[in-house]
N, C-alpha and C. Protein backbone atom coordinates (compact mmCIF):
# COMPACT_ATOMS: atom_id res chain seq x y z
N UNK A 1 0.83 -1.20 0.00
CA UNK A 1 0.00 0.00 0.00
C UNK A 1 0.87 1.26 0.00
N UNK A 2 0.67 2.10 -0.97
CA UNK A 2 1.48 3.31 -1.08
C UNK A 2 1.02 4.41 -0.14
N UNK A 3 1.82 5.41 -0.06
CA UNK A 3 1.54 6.54 0.83
C UNK A 3 0.29 7.28 0.37
N UNK A 4 0.12 7.46 -0.91
CA UNK A 4 -1.04 8.16 -1.44
C UNK A 4 -2.33 7.41 -1.12
N UNK A 5 -2.30 6.10 -1.28
CA UNK A 5 -3.47 5.29 -1.00
C UNK A 5 -3.89 5.44 0.46
N UNK A 6 -2.90 5.42 1.34
CA UNK A 6 -3.17 5.53 2.76
C UNK A 6 -3.80 6.88 3.09
N UNK A 7 -3.23 7.96 2.57
CA UNK A 7 -3.75 9.29 2.86
C UNK A 7 -5.15 9.47 2.27
N UNK A 8 -5.39 8.85 1.12
CA UNK A 8 -6.71 8.94 0.51
C UNK A 8 -7.75 8.23 1.38
N UNK A 9 -7.35 7.08 1.93
CA UNK A 9 -8.25 6.33 2.79
C UNK A 9 -8.57 7.11 4.06
N UNK A 10 -7.55 7.72 4.63
CA UNK A 10 -7.74 8.54 5.83
C UNK A 10 -8.66 9.72 5.52
N UNK A 11 -8.43 10.35 4.38
CA UNK A 11 -9.26 11.48 3.96
C UNK A 11 -10.72 11.06 3.84
N UNK A 12 -10.96 9.90 3.20
CA UNK A 12 -12.31 9.41 3.04
C UNK A 12 -12.97 9.11 4.37
N UNK A 13 -12.18 8.59 5.32
CA UNK A 13 -12.71 8.31 6.65
C UNK A 13 -13.14 9.60 7.33
N UNK A 14 -12.32 10.63 7.19
CA UNK A 14 -12.64 11.94 7.78
C UNK A 14 -13.92 12.50 7.15
N UNK A 15 -14.01 12.41 5.83
CA UNK A 15 -15.19 12.89 5.12
C UNK A 15 -16.43 12.11 5.56
N UNK A 16 -16.28 10.79 5.67
CA UNK A 16 -17.39 9.95 6.09
C UNK A 16 -17.90 10.34 7.48
N UNK A 17 -16.95 10.54 8.40
CA UNK A 17 -17.31 10.93 9.75
C UNK A 17 -18.06 12.26 9.75
N UNK A 18 -17.56 13.20 8.96
CA UNK A 18 -18.19 14.52 8.90
C UNK A 18 -19.60 14.43 8.32
N UNK A 19 -19.73 13.70 7.21
CA UNK A 19 -21.03 13.53 6.56
C UNK A 19 -22.03 12.88 7.51
N UNK A 20 -21.59 11.80 8.16
CA UNK A 20 -22.49 11.09 9.07
C UNK A 20 -22.85 11.96 10.26
N UNK A 21 -21.91 12.75 10.72
CA UNK A 21 -22.15 13.65 11.85
C UNK A 21 -23.21 14.69 11.49
N UNK A 22 -23.13 15.19 10.26
CA UNK A 22 -24.07 16.21 9.81
C UNK A 22 -25.45 15.63 9.51
N UNK A 23 -25.47 14.37 9.04
CA UNK A 23 -26.73 13.77 8.62
C UNK A 23 -27.61 13.32 9.77
N UNK A 24 -27.01 12.94 10.88
CA UNK A 24 -27.84 12.37 11.94
C UNK A 24 -27.45 12.87 13.33
N UNK A 25 -28.45 12.93 14.21
CA UNK A 25 -28.23 13.33 15.60
C UNK A 25 -28.02 12.11 16.48
N UNK A 26 -28.54 10.98 16.02
CA UNK A 26 -28.46 9.75 16.80
C UNK A 26 -27.08 9.11 16.69
N UNK A 27 -26.52 8.71 17.83
CA UNK A 27 -25.21 8.05 17.85
C UNK A 27 -25.27 6.73 17.08
N UNK A 28 -26.34 5.98 17.28
CA UNK A 28 -26.49 4.69 16.60
C UNK A 28 -26.52 4.90 15.09
N UNK A 29 -27.25 5.90 14.63
CA UNK A 29 -27.30 6.19 13.20
C UNK A 29 -25.95 6.64 12.66
N UNK A 30 -25.22 7.42 13.46
CA UNK A 30 -23.89 7.85 13.04
C UNK A 30 -22.97 6.66 12.82
N UNK A 31 -22.99 5.73 13.77
CA UNK A 31 -22.14 4.54 13.68
C UNK A 31 -22.54 3.70 12.47
N UNK A 32 -23.85 3.50 12.30
CA UNK A 32 -24.35 2.72 11.16
C UNK A 32 -23.95 3.38 9.84
N UNK A 33 -24.15 4.66 9.77
CA UNK A 33 -23.82 5.43 8.56
C UNK A 33 -22.33 5.33 8.26
N UNK A 34 -21.51 5.48 9.28
CA UNK A 34 -20.05 5.43 9.10
C UNK A 34 -19.60 4.06 8.63
N UNK A 35 -20.17 3.01 9.23
CA UNK A 35 -19.81 1.64 8.82
C UNK A 35 -20.20 1.39 7.37
N UNK A 36 -21.39 1.85 7.00
CA UNK A 36 -21.86 1.68 5.62
C UNK A 36 -20.94 2.41 4.64
N UNK A 37 -20.61 3.66 4.95
CA UNK A 37 -19.73 4.44 4.07
C UNK A 37 -18.35 3.81 3.98
N UNK A 38 -17.84 3.33 5.10
CA UNK A 38 -16.52 2.69 5.11
C UNK A 38 -16.52 1.47 4.20
N UNK A 39 -17.61 0.71 4.25
CA UNK A 39 -17.74 -0.48 3.42
C UNK A 39 -17.75 -0.10 1.94
N UNK A 40 -18.51 0.92 1.60
CA UNK A 40 -18.60 1.39 0.22
C UNK A 40 -17.24 1.87 -0.27
N UNK A 41 -16.53 2.60 0.60
CA UNK A 41 -15.22 3.13 0.25
C UNK A 41 -14.23 2.00 0.00
N UNK A 42 -14.24 0.99 0.88
CA UNK A 42 -13.32 -0.14 0.72
C UNK A 42 -13.56 -0.86 -0.60
N UNK A 43 -14.83 -1.04 -0.96
CA UNK A 43 -15.16 -1.75 -2.20
C UNK A 43 -14.95 -0.87 -3.42
N UNK A 44 -15.21 0.43 -3.26
CA UNK A 44 -15.16 1.35 -4.40
C UNK A 44 -13.75 1.81 -4.74
N UNK A 45 -12.88 1.87 -3.75
CA UNK A 45 -11.52 2.36 -3.98
C UNK A 45 -10.52 1.26 -3.78
């Protein structure tokens, strides 16, 4: 895994956290949303 790949993954995680934080007030929903986005990111990138 290259340095660029790693930083891109970290960036996506940060974006996912921010998006999920903005989309929902519920902690459970935030966790669910983050897990779903992480899964999509892993498969998509």
